[in-house]
N, C-alpha and C. Protein backbone atom coordinates (compact mmCIF):
# COMPACT_ATOMS: atom_id res chain seq x y z
N MET A 1 83.22 85.64 108.20
CA MET A 1 82.96 85.80 109.61
C MET A 1 82.31 87.17 109.82
N SER A 2 81.31 87.18 110.62
CA SER A 2 80.66 88.46 110.95
C SER A 2 81.45 89.16 112.06
N SER A 3 81.27 90.48 112.15
CA SER A 3 81.98 91.25 113.18
C SER A 3 81.64 90.78 114.58
N SER A 4 80.38 90.34 114.77
CA SER A 4 79.98 89.90 116.12
C SER A 4 80.71 88.61 116.54
N GLU A 5 81.17 87.81 115.57
CA GLU A 5 81.88 86.60 115.88
C GLU A 5 83.36 86.86 116.19
N ALA A 6 83.87 87.98 115.74
CA ALA A 6 85.32 88.28 115.87
C ALA A 6 85.64 88.66 117.33
N ARG A 7 86.66 87.97 117.87
CA ARG A 7 87.06 88.23 119.26
C ARG A 7 88.10 89.32 119.37
N TRP A 8 89.01 89.42 118.37
CA TRP A 8 90.18 90.28 118.46
C TRP A 8 90.10 91.55 117.67
N ILE A 9 89.45 91.52 116.50
CA ILE A 9 89.43 92.72 115.63
C ILE A 9 88.03 92.91 115.02
N ARG A 10 87.83 94.13 114.55
CA ARG A 10 86.62 94.47 113.80
C ARG A 10 87.03 95.31 112.61
N LEU A 11 86.25 95.21 111.56
CA LEU A 11 86.49 96.07 110.40
C LEU A 11 85.77 97.39 110.61
N LYS A 12 86.38 98.44 110.10
CA LYS A 12 85.83 99.77 110.32
C LYS A 12 85.99 100.58 109.03
N LYS A 13 84.98 101.40 108.73
CA LYS A 13 85.06 102.32 107.62
C LYS A 13 85.19 103.72 108.17
N ILE A 14 86.24 104.42 107.78
CA ILE A 14 86.53 105.76 108.28
C ILE A 14 86.28 106.77 107.15
N LEU A 15 85.55 107.81 107.45
CA LEU A 15 85.38 108.91 106.50
C LEU A 15 86.28 110.04 106.99
N TYR A 16 87.06 110.60 106.09
CA TYR A 16 87.97 111.67 106.44
C TYR A 16 88.09 112.66 105.26
N LEU A 17 88.63 113.84 105.55
CA LEU A 17 88.88 114.82 104.50
C LEU A 17 90.34 114.79 104.11
N ASP A 18 90.61 114.67 102.80
CA ASP A 18 92.00 114.67 102.35
C ASP A 18 92.57 116.10 102.31
N ALA A 19 93.79 116.23 101.86
CA ALA A 19 94.46 117.54 101.86
C ALA A 19 93.76 118.58 100.99
N ASN A 20 92.94 118.13 100.03
CA ASN A 20 92.18 119.04 99.17
C ASN A 20 90.78 119.29 99.69
N GLY A 21 90.45 118.77 100.85
CA GLY A 21 89.13 118.95 101.41
C GLY A 21 88.07 118.00 100.88
N LYS A 22 88.48 117.00 100.13
CA LYS A 22 87.56 116.02 99.57
C LYS A 22 87.32 114.89 100.56
N GLU A 23 86.07 114.53 100.77
CA GLU A 23 85.74 113.43 101.70
C GLU A 23 86.13 112.10 101.04
N ARG A 24 86.80 111.27 101.79
CA ARG A 24 87.23 109.94 101.31
C ARG A 24 86.90 108.91 102.37
N ALA A 25 86.85 107.66 101.91
CA ALA A 25 86.59 106.54 102.82
C ALA A 25 87.86 105.68 102.89
N TRP A 26 88.08 105.10 104.07
CA TRP A 26 89.21 104.21 104.31
C TRP A 26 88.71 103.02 105.11
N GLU A 27 89.09 101.84 104.69
CA GLU A 27 88.74 100.64 105.44
C GLU A 27 89.95 100.18 106.25
N CYS A 28 89.67 99.79 107.50
CA CYS A 28 90.78 99.32 108.34
C CYS A 28 90.28 98.28 109.32
N ALA A 29 91.25 97.62 109.94
CA ALA A 29 90.96 96.69 111.02
C ALA A 29 91.29 97.42 112.32
N GLU A 30 90.46 97.20 113.34
CA GLU A 30 90.64 97.87 114.63
C GLU A 30 90.65 96.81 115.73
N ARG A 31 91.60 96.91 116.62
CA ARG A 31 91.65 95.94 117.74
C ARG A 31 90.47 96.14 118.67
N LYS A 32 89.91 95.04 119.13
CA LYS A 32 88.82 95.06 120.10
C LYS A 32 89.34 94.91 121.52
N THR A 33 90.64 94.68 121.65
CA THR A 33 91.23 94.32 122.95
C THR A 33 91.93 95.47 123.64
N ARG A 34 91.94 96.66 123.06
CA ARG A 34 92.66 97.78 123.66
C ARG A 34 92.06 98.13 125.03
N LYS A 35 92.91 98.26 126.00
CA LYS A 35 92.48 98.56 127.36
C LYS A 35 92.58 100.09 127.59
N SER A 36 92.30 100.49 128.83
CA SER A 36 92.22 101.92 129.14
C SER A 36 93.53 102.67 128.97
N SER A 37 94.66 101.96 128.94
CA SER A 37 95.94 102.65 128.73
C SER A 37 96.04 103.26 127.35
N GLY A 38 95.23 102.75 126.40
CA GLY A 38 95.28 103.23 125.02
C GLY A 38 96.40 102.60 124.21
N ILE A 39 97.12 101.64 124.82
CA ILE A 39 98.23 100.97 124.15
C ILE A 39 97.89 99.49 124.09
N ASP A 40 98.01 98.92 122.91
CA ASP A 40 97.61 97.51 122.70
C ASP A 40 98.59 96.52 123.25
N ALA A 41 99.88 96.72 122.94
CA ALA A 41 100.84 95.64 123.15
C ALA A 41 102.25 96.15 123.37
N VAL A 42 103.13 95.22 123.65
CA VAL A 42 104.56 95.51 123.72
C VAL A 42 105.33 94.51 122.89
N ALA A 43 106.44 94.94 122.34
CA ALA A 43 107.46 94.06 121.80
C ALA A 43 108.65 94.19 122.75
N ILE A 44 109.39 93.13 122.94
CA ILE A 44 110.41 93.11 123.98
C ILE A 44 111.78 92.79 123.39
N LEU A 45 112.74 93.69 123.63
CA LEU A 45 114.11 93.43 123.29
C LEU A 45 114.82 93.16 124.60
N ALA A 46 115.14 91.91 124.85
CA ALA A 46 115.83 91.52 126.08
C ALA A 46 117.34 91.53 125.84
N LEU A 47 118.07 92.31 126.60
CA LEU A 47 119.51 92.31 126.53
C LEU A 47 120.04 91.37 127.58
N ILE A 48 120.48 90.20 127.13
CA ILE A 48 120.95 89.15 128.03
C ILE A 48 122.47 89.24 128.10
N ARG A 49 122.96 89.42 129.33
CA ARG A 49 124.40 89.69 129.48
C ARG A 49 124.98 88.96 130.71
N SER A 50 126.27 88.76 130.64
CA SER A 50 127.00 88.13 131.75
C SER A 50 127.76 89.23 132.49
N LYS A 51 127.59 89.26 133.80
CA LYS A 51 128.32 90.24 134.60
C LYS A 51 129.82 90.01 134.57
N ASN A 52 130.26 88.77 134.32
CA ASN A 52 131.69 88.50 134.26
C ASN A 52 132.17 88.17 132.83
N ASN A 53 131.38 88.57 131.84
CA ASN A 53 131.71 88.37 130.42
C ASN A 53 131.90 86.90 130.03
N SER A 54 131.15 85.99 130.62
CA SER A 54 131.22 84.57 130.28
C SER A 54 130.65 84.29 128.90
N PHE A 55 129.79 85.17 128.41
CA PHE A 55 129.23 85.02 127.07
C PHE A 55 128.95 86.42 126.50
N PRO A 56 128.91 86.55 125.18
CA PRO A 56 128.69 87.87 124.56
C PRO A 56 127.26 88.37 124.77
N LEU A 57 127.08 89.67 124.64
CA LEU A 57 125.76 90.28 124.72
C LEU A 57 124.83 89.56 123.74
N SER A 58 123.69 89.12 124.28
CA SER A 58 122.78 88.32 123.48
C SER A 58 121.35 88.82 123.67
N THR A 59 120.45 88.26 122.88
CA THR A 59 119.01 88.54 123.02
C THR A 59 118.27 87.26 122.77
N VAL A 60 116.96 87.28 122.95
CA VAL A 60 116.14 86.12 122.68
C VAL A 60 115.13 86.46 121.60
N ILE A 61 115.03 85.58 120.61
CA ILE A 61 114.03 85.70 119.57
C ILE A 61 113.14 84.47 119.66
N ILE A 62 111.96 84.55 119.07
CA ILE A 62 111.07 83.41 119.14
C ILE A 62 110.63 82.99 117.74
N GLU A 63 110.33 81.68 117.65
CA GLU A 63 109.76 81.10 116.42
C GLU A 63 108.30 80.79 116.77
N GLN A 64 107.40 81.23 115.90
CA GLN A 64 105.97 81.04 116.18
C GLN A 64 105.19 80.98 114.87
N TYR A 65 104.24 80.07 114.79
CA TYR A 65 103.41 79.98 113.59
C TYR A 65 102.37 81.08 113.66
N ARG A 66 102.19 81.79 112.53
CA ARG A 66 101.19 82.86 112.44
C ARG A 66 100.22 82.52 111.32
N PRO A 67 98.98 82.14 111.66
CA PRO A 67 98.00 81.74 110.64
C PRO A 67 97.73 82.77 109.53
N PRO A 68 97.69 84.11 109.80
CA PRO A 68 97.38 85.02 108.71
C PRO A 68 98.38 84.97 107.56
N ILE A 69 99.63 84.58 107.83
CA ILE A 69 100.61 84.46 106.75
C ILE A 69 100.94 83.00 106.44
N ASP A 70 100.34 82.08 107.18
CA ASP A 70 100.53 80.65 107.01
C ASP A 70 102.03 80.29 106.97
N LYS A 71 102.77 80.87 107.90
CA LYS A 71 104.22 80.60 108.01
C LYS A 71 104.66 80.71 109.45
N PHE A 72 105.79 80.12 109.70
CA PHE A 72 106.46 80.37 110.97
C PHE A 72 107.22 81.68 110.83
N ILE A 73 107.19 82.48 111.86
CA ILE A 73 107.84 83.79 111.82
C ILE A 73 108.86 83.87 112.96
N ILE A 74 109.90 84.64 112.70
CA ILE A 74 110.91 84.94 113.71
C ILE A 74 110.63 86.34 114.19
N GLU A 75 110.45 86.50 115.47
CA GLU A 75 110.09 87.81 116.02
C GLU A 75 110.61 87.98 117.44
N LEU A 76 110.47 89.18 117.92
CA LEU A 76 110.78 89.46 119.32
C LEU A 76 109.61 88.95 120.18
N PRO A 77 109.88 88.59 121.42
CA PRO A 77 108.76 88.28 122.29
C PRO A 77 107.84 89.49 122.38
N ALA A 78 106.55 89.23 122.56
CA ALA A 78 105.59 90.33 122.57
C ALA A 78 104.32 89.87 123.27
N GLY A 79 103.44 90.82 123.55
CA GLY A 79 102.16 90.43 124.15
C GLY A 79 101.25 91.61 124.35
N LEU A 80 99.98 91.31 124.55
CA LEU A 80 98.95 92.32 124.79
C LEU A 80 99.02 92.80 126.22
N ILE A 81 98.71 94.08 126.41
CA ILE A 81 98.72 94.68 127.75
C ILE A 81 97.39 94.37 128.43
N ASP A 82 97.45 93.85 129.66
CA ASP A 82 96.26 93.59 130.46
C ASP A 82 95.81 94.85 131.14
N GLU A 83 94.52 94.91 131.45
CA GLU A 83 93.96 96.06 132.15
C GLU A 83 94.72 96.25 133.49
N GLY A 84 95.10 97.47 133.77
CA GLY A 84 95.80 97.80 135.01
C GLY A 84 97.31 97.63 134.94
N GLU A 85 97.83 97.13 133.86
CA GLU A 85 99.28 96.96 133.68
C GLU A 85 99.84 98.14 132.92
N THR A 86 101.10 98.46 133.26
CA THR A 86 101.85 99.40 132.42
C THR A 86 102.51 98.58 131.30
N PRO A 87 102.93 99.23 130.22
CA PRO A 87 103.64 98.49 129.18
C PRO A 87 104.87 97.81 129.73
N GLU A 88 105.54 98.44 130.64
CA GLU A 88 106.78 97.89 131.20
C GLU A 88 106.49 96.63 132.03
N GLN A 89 105.41 96.67 132.82
CA GLN A 89 105.03 95.47 133.58
C GLN A 89 104.66 94.32 132.65
N THR A 90 103.95 94.67 131.56
CA THR A 90 103.59 93.66 130.56
C THR A 90 104.82 93.04 129.98
N ALA A 91 105.81 93.87 129.65
CA ALA A 91 107.06 93.36 129.01
C ALA A 91 107.75 92.36 129.95
N ILE A 92 107.86 92.70 131.21
CA ILE A 92 108.53 91.79 132.16
C ILE A 92 107.74 90.49 132.29
N ARG A 93 106.43 90.60 132.37
CA ARG A 93 105.56 89.39 132.50
C ARG A 93 105.66 88.54 131.23
N GLU A 94 105.49 89.17 130.07
CA GLU A 94 105.49 88.42 128.81
C GLU A 94 106.85 87.77 128.53
N LEU A 95 107.96 88.47 128.86
CA LEU A 95 109.27 87.87 128.65
C LEU A 95 109.40 86.59 129.44
N GLU A 96 108.98 86.60 130.68
CA GLU A 96 109.08 85.40 131.50
C GLU A 96 108.15 84.29 130.98
N GLU A 97 106.92 84.67 130.59
CA GLU A 97 105.98 83.66 130.08
C GLU A 97 106.48 83.02 128.80
N GLU A 98 106.95 83.83 127.85
CA GLU A 98 107.30 83.29 126.54
C GLU A 98 108.69 82.68 126.48
N THR A 99 109.58 83.12 127.36
CA THR A 99 110.98 82.67 127.25
C THR A 99 111.54 82.06 128.54
N GLY A 100 110.94 82.33 129.69
CA GLY A 100 111.47 81.89 130.97
C GLY A 100 112.49 82.85 131.55
N PHE A 101 112.91 83.85 130.80
CA PHE A 101 113.89 84.82 131.30
C PHE A 101 113.26 85.84 132.21
N LYS A 102 113.96 86.17 133.31
CA LYS A 102 113.46 87.19 134.23
C LYS A 102 114.30 88.45 134.13
N ALA A 103 113.65 89.53 133.78
CA ALA A 103 114.34 90.82 133.66
C ALA A 103 114.46 91.46 135.04
N THR A 104 115.56 92.18 135.26
CA THR A 104 115.74 92.89 136.54
C THR A 104 115.38 94.34 136.45
N SER A 105 115.41 94.90 135.23
CA SER A 105 115.05 96.32 135.08
C SER A 105 114.70 96.65 133.64
N VAL A 106 114.07 97.81 133.51
CA VAL A 106 113.70 98.36 132.20
C VAL A 106 114.82 99.31 131.80
N ILE A 107 115.43 99.07 130.65
CA ILE A 107 116.48 99.96 130.15
C ILE A 107 115.87 101.13 129.41
N GLU A 108 114.86 100.84 128.61
CA GLU A 108 114.22 101.89 127.80
C GLU A 108 112.82 101.43 127.44
N SER A 109 111.92 102.39 127.32
CA SER A 109 110.57 102.14 126.84
C SER A 109 110.28 103.18 125.79
N SER A 110 109.98 102.76 124.58
CA SER A 110 109.78 103.71 123.48
C SER A 110 108.48 104.48 123.64
N SER A 111 108.32 105.47 122.79
CA SER A 111 107.02 106.11 122.69
C SER A 111 106.08 105.12 121.97
N VAL A 112 104.83 105.44 121.86
CA VAL A 112 103.87 104.56 121.18
C VAL A 112 104.22 104.52 119.69
N ILE A 113 104.32 103.30 119.15
CA ILE A 113 104.66 103.14 117.74
C ILE A 113 103.57 102.32 117.05
N VAL A 114 103.47 102.47 115.72
CA VAL A 114 102.52 101.70 114.93
C VAL A 114 103.25 100.87 113.90
N CYS A 115 102.65 99.78 113.47
CA CYS A 115 103.33 98.88 112.56
C CYS A 115 102.77 98.88 111.16
N ASP A 116 101.48 99.00 111.01
CA ASP A 116 100.85 98.94 109.69
C ASP A 116 99.70 99.93 109.64
N PRO A 117 100.00 101.24 109.72
CA PRO A 117 98.95 102.26 109.84
C PRO A 117 98.04 102.39 108.65
N GLY A 118 98.39 101.78 107.50
CA GLY A 118 97.49 101.80 106.36
C GLY A 118 96.38 100.75 106.48
N MET A 119 96.56 99.84 107.41
CA MET A 119 95.60 98.73 107.55
C MET A 119 94.94 98.63 108.92
N THR A 120 95.64 99.06 109.98
CA THR A 120 95.10 98.86 111.32
C THR A 120 95.52 100.02 112.24
N ASN A 121 94.74 100.17 113.31
CA ASN A 121 95.08 101.17 114.33
C ASN A 121 95.92 100.57 115.46
N ALA A 122 96.32 99.30 115.32
CA ALA A 122 97.11 98.63 116.36
C ALA A 122 98.38 99.40 116.66
N ASN A 123 98.69 99.51 117.95
CA ASN A 123 99.90 100.22 118.37
C ASN A 123 100.61 99.43 119.45
N MET A 124 101.81 99.88 119.77
CA MET A 124 102.60 99.18 120.79
C MET A 124 103.75 100.04 121.28
N LYS A 125 104.47 99.54 122.23
CA LYS A 125 105.73 100.12 122.69
C LYS A 125 106.79 99.04 122.58
N LEU A 126 108.01 99.45 122.27
CA LEU A 126 109.16 98.57 122.33
C LEU A 126 109.80 98.79 123.69
N VAL A 127 109.91 97.73 124.48
CA VAL A 127 110.47 97.84 125.82
C VAL A 127 111.77 97.03 125.83
N VAL A 128 112.87 97.69 126.21
CA VAL A 128 114.18 97.05 126.28
C VAL A 128 114.40 96.68 127.74
N LEU A 129 114.68 95.39 127.96
CA LEU A 129 114.82 94.87 129.34
C LEU A 129 116.24 94.36 129.57
N ASP A 130 116.68 94.51 130.80
CA ASP A 130 118.01 93.99 131.24
C ASP A 130 117.83 92.61 131.85
N VAL A 131 118.55 91.63 131.32
CA VAL A 131 118.51 90.27 131.85
C VAL A 131 119.95 89.84 132.15
N PRO A 132 120.44 90.19 133.33
CA PRO A 132 121.81 89.86 133.68
C PRO A 132 121.97 88.49 134.35
N PHE A 133 123.13 87.88 134.10
CA PHE A 133 123.51 86.64 134.79
C PHE A 133 124.86 86.89 135.43
N ASP A 134 125.08 86.30 136.60
CA ASP A 134 126.35 86.46 137.29
C ASP A 134 127.49 85.89 136.45
N GLY A 135 127.24 84.74 135.84
CA GLY A 135 128.25 84.06 135.05
C GLY A 135 127.66 83.52 133.77
N GLN A 136 127.59 82.18 133.71
CA GLN A 136 127.07 81.51 132.50
C GLN A 136 125.58 81.75 132.32
N LEU A 137 125.16 81.67 131.07
CA LEU A 137 123.77 81.77 130.72
C LEU A 137 123.00 80.58 131.25
N GLU A 138 121.87 80.85 131.90
CA GLU A 138 121.02 79.78 132.40
C GLU A 138 119.66 79.91 131.74
N SER A 139 119.04 78.79 131.46
CA SER A 139 117.74 78.80 130.81
C SER A 139 116.68 78.30 131.78
N SER A 140 115.57 79.00 131.80
CA SER A 140 114.42 78.58 132.64
C SER A 140 113.25 78.18 131.75
N ALA A 141 112.34 77.45 132.32
CA ALA A 141 111.18 76.95 131.57
C ALA A 141 110.23 78.08 131.19
N GLN A 142 109.66 78.00 130.02
CA GLN A 142 108.65 78.94 129.58
C GLN A 142 107.37 78.70 130.39
N LYS A 143 106.51 79.71 130.42
CA LYS A 143 105.22 79.59 131.13
C LYS A 143 104.12 79.95 130.10
N LEU A 144 104.05 79.14 129.06
CA LEU A 144 103.15 79.45 127.96
C LEU A 144 101.70 79.23 128.35
N GLU A 145 100.82 80.07 127.77
CA GLU A 145 99.39 79.93 127.96
C GLU A 145 98.89 78.82 127.02
N ALA A 146 97.70 78.31 127.32
CA ALA A 146 97.10 77.28 126.44
C ALA A 146 96.98 77.85 125.02
N GLY A 147 97.40 77.07 124.07
CA GLY A 147 97.32 77.50 122.66
C GLY A 147 98.55 78.25 122.17
N GLU A 148 99.51 78.52 123.09
CA GLU A 148 100.77 79.15 122.66
C GLU A 148 101.80 78.06 122.40
N PHE A 149 102.43 78.13 121.23
CA PHE A 149 103.46 77.19 120.84
C PHE A 149 104.65 78.00 120.34
N ILE A 150 105.54 78.31 121.24
CA ILE A 150 106.66 79.23 120.96
C ILE A 150 107.99 78.53 121.26
N THR A 151 108.89 78.65 120.30
CA THR A 151 110.24 78.16 120.50
C THR A 151 111.13 79.36 120.72
N LYS A 152 111.89 79.36 121.82
CA LYS A 152 112.78 80.49 122.09
C LYS A 152 114.17 80.15 121.59
N ARG A 153 114.92 81.17 121.25
CA ARG A 153 116.30 80.96 120.78
C ARG A 153 117.14 82.15 121.21
N VAL A 154 118.20 81.90 121.96
CA VAL A 154 119.13 82.94 122.37
C VAL A 154 120.17 83.12 121.27
N VAL A 155 120.37 84.37 120.87
CA VAL A 155 121.28 84.69 119.76
C VAL A 155 122.18 85.84 120.20
N GLU A 156 123.44 85.76 119.87
CA GLU A 156 124.35 86.88 120.12
C GLU A 156 123.88 88.07 119.28
N VAL A 157 123.80 89.23 119.90
CA VAL A 157 123.33 90.43 119.17
C VAL A 157 124.18 90.65 117.92
N ALA A 158 125.49 90.46 118.02
CA ALA A 158 126.38 90.68 116.90
C ALA A 158 126.14 89.71 115.73
N ASN A 159 125.45 88.60 116.00
CA ASN A 159 125.18 87.56 114.97
C ASN A 159 123.74 87.58 114.46
N LEU A 160 122.93 88.52 114.89
CA LEU A 160 121.51 88.52 114.54
C LEU A 160 121.30 88.58 113.04
N GLN A 161 122.01 89.41 112.33
CA GLN A 161 121.80 89.54 110.88
C GLN A 161 122.03 88.19 110.18
N ALA A 162 123.11 87.52 110.51
CA ALA A 162 123.40 86.24 109.91
C ALA A 162 122.33 85.20 110.27
N GLU A 163 121.88 85.23 111.50
CA GLU A 163 120.82 84.27 111.94
C GLU A 163 119.53 84.50 111.16
N LEU A 164 119.16 85.78 110.99
CA LEU A 164 117.94 86.07 110.27
C LEU A 164 118.05 85.63 108.79
N LYS A 165 119.23 85.81 108.21
CA LYS A 165 119.43 85.32 106.83
C LYS A 165 119.26 83.80 106.74
N GLU A 166 119.76 83.08 107.75
CA GLU A 166 119.60 81.63 107.78
C GLU A 166 118.14 81.25 107.88
N TYR A 167 117.41 81.94 108.74
CA TYR A 167 115.96 81.68 108.87
C TYR A 167 115.24 81.95 107.56
N THR A 168 115.59 83.04 106.89
CA THR A 168 114.95 83.36 105.61
C THR A 168 115.21 82.28 104.60
N ASN A 169 116.45 81.78 104.56
CA ASN A 169 116.80 80.71 103.64
C ASN A 169 116.04 79.42 103.93
N LYS A 170 115.60 79.24 105.16
CA LYS A 170 114.82 78.06 105.54
C LYS A 170 113.34 78.25 105.33
N GLY A 171 112.92 79.43 104.83
CA GLY A 171 111.49 79.68 104.55
C GLY A 171 110.71 80.34 105.64
N PHE A 172 111.37 80.79 106.71
CA PHE A 172 110.66 81.52 107.77
C PHE A 172 110.40 82.95 107.31
N ALA A 173 109.37 83.56 107.86
CA ALA A 173 109.13 84.99 107.66
C ALA A 173 109.85 85.73 108.82
N ILE A 174 110.27 86.94 108.58
CA ILE A 174 110.93 87.74 109.62
C ILE A 174 110.02 88.93 109.92
N ASP A 175 109.75 89.12 111.21
CA ASP A 175 108.93 90.26 111.64
C ASP A 175 109.63 91.58 111.30
N ALA A 176 108.89 92.54 110.81
CA ALA A 176 109.46 93.83 110.41
C ALA A 176 110.16 94.55 111.55
N ARG A 177 109.61 94.52 112.74
CA ARG A 177 110.25 95.21 113.86
C ARG A 177 111.64 94.66 114.15
N LEU A 178 111.74 93.34 114.17
CA LEU A 178 113.02 92.69 114.39
C LEU A 178 114.00 93.01 113.25
N SER A 179 113.51 92.94 112.04
CA SER A 179 114.34 93.24 110.87
C SER A 179 114.85 94.69 110.92
N HIS A 180 113.96 95.61 111.27
CA HIS A 180 114.37 97.02 111.34
C HIS A 180 115.41 97.24 112.43
N PHE A 181 115.25 96.58 113.59
CA PHE A 181 116.24 96.71 114.65
C PHE A 181 117.60 96.22 114.16
N VAL A 182 117.62 95.03 113.55
CA VAL A 182 118.87 94.44 113.10
C VAL A 182 119.52 95.33 112.00
N THR A 183 118.72 95.84 111.10
CA THR A 183 119.27 96.72 110.06
C THR A 183 119.88 97.98 110.70
N GLY A 184 119.20 98.57 111.64
CA GLY A 184 119.73 99.76 112.33
C GLY A 184 120.99 99.44 113.09
N TYR A 185 121.04 98.29 113.77
CA TYR A 185 122.21 97.85 114.50
C TYR A 185 123.41 97.70 113.56
N GLU A 186 123.18 97.03 112.43
CA GLU A 186 124.25 96.80 111.45
C GLU A 186 124.70 98.13 110.83
N MET A 187 123.77 99.01 110.55
CA MET A 187 124.15 100.33 109.99
C MET A 187 125.01 101.11 110.98
N GLY A 188 124.64 101.04 112.26
CA GLY A 188 125.42 101.70 113.29
C GLY A 188 126.83 101.16 113.38
N ARG A 189 126.96 99.83 113.27
CA ARG A 189 128.28 99.21 113.28
C ARG A 189 129.12 99.65 112.10
N LYS A 190 128.50 99.71 110.91
CA LYS A 190 129.22 100.14 109.70
C LYS A 190 129.65 101.59 109.80
N ILE A 191 128.77 102.44 110.30
CA ILE A 191 129.12 103.87 110.45
C ILE A 191 130.27 104.03 111.41
N GLN A 192 130.22 103.31 112.53
CA GLN A 192 131.31 103.38 113.51
C GLN A 192 132.62 102.90 112.92
N ALA A 193 132.56 101.82 112.12
CA ALA A 193 133.77 101.26 111.54
C ALA A 193 134.38 102.20 110.50
N ASP A 194 133.54 103.01 109.85
CA ASP A 194 134.03 103.96 108.82
C ASP A 194 134.64 105.23 109.41
N LYS A 195 134.49 105.46 110.69
CA LYS A 195 135.02 106.67 111.29
C LYS A 195 136.53 106.62 111.46
């Protein structure tokens, strides 16, 4: 495919000076969709909770086929930032589109993070959203765009590690951001238990 045919990315050759002052070349992929905010996308950690403790603290993960790896992947909901949107607005919009859940507030918005800096300049923010229910968990219809085929799954936060292991055993790929979150969560639990 030629660069002119590519809608989402372009290849780029970067010349830079290394620590010894020697000029080197680096090849990378660069997003063509970055808007004026300078941030490409958001990943969304939705904290789904019951105000009367009818169900344990949960989150939503999604199953989605990703052609570059030719596998279904388990990941957090995510999406590209539209022109004029803040990352937080994007997170609220994308959560509702991909999962049907409506967030009431932003709990936290990370600094800009990168996922694969050896290969691409793509960046994002992790936005943590509050999704409270008065009582029982209720599910709403997704609002998927044409060409999106996403299966949502609500999982108790405390059971995420076991759920991801089950997905791995079934041949799914696990997104690194989700895996890192779960590993950090489990490490935090172990550290607390050892005190």
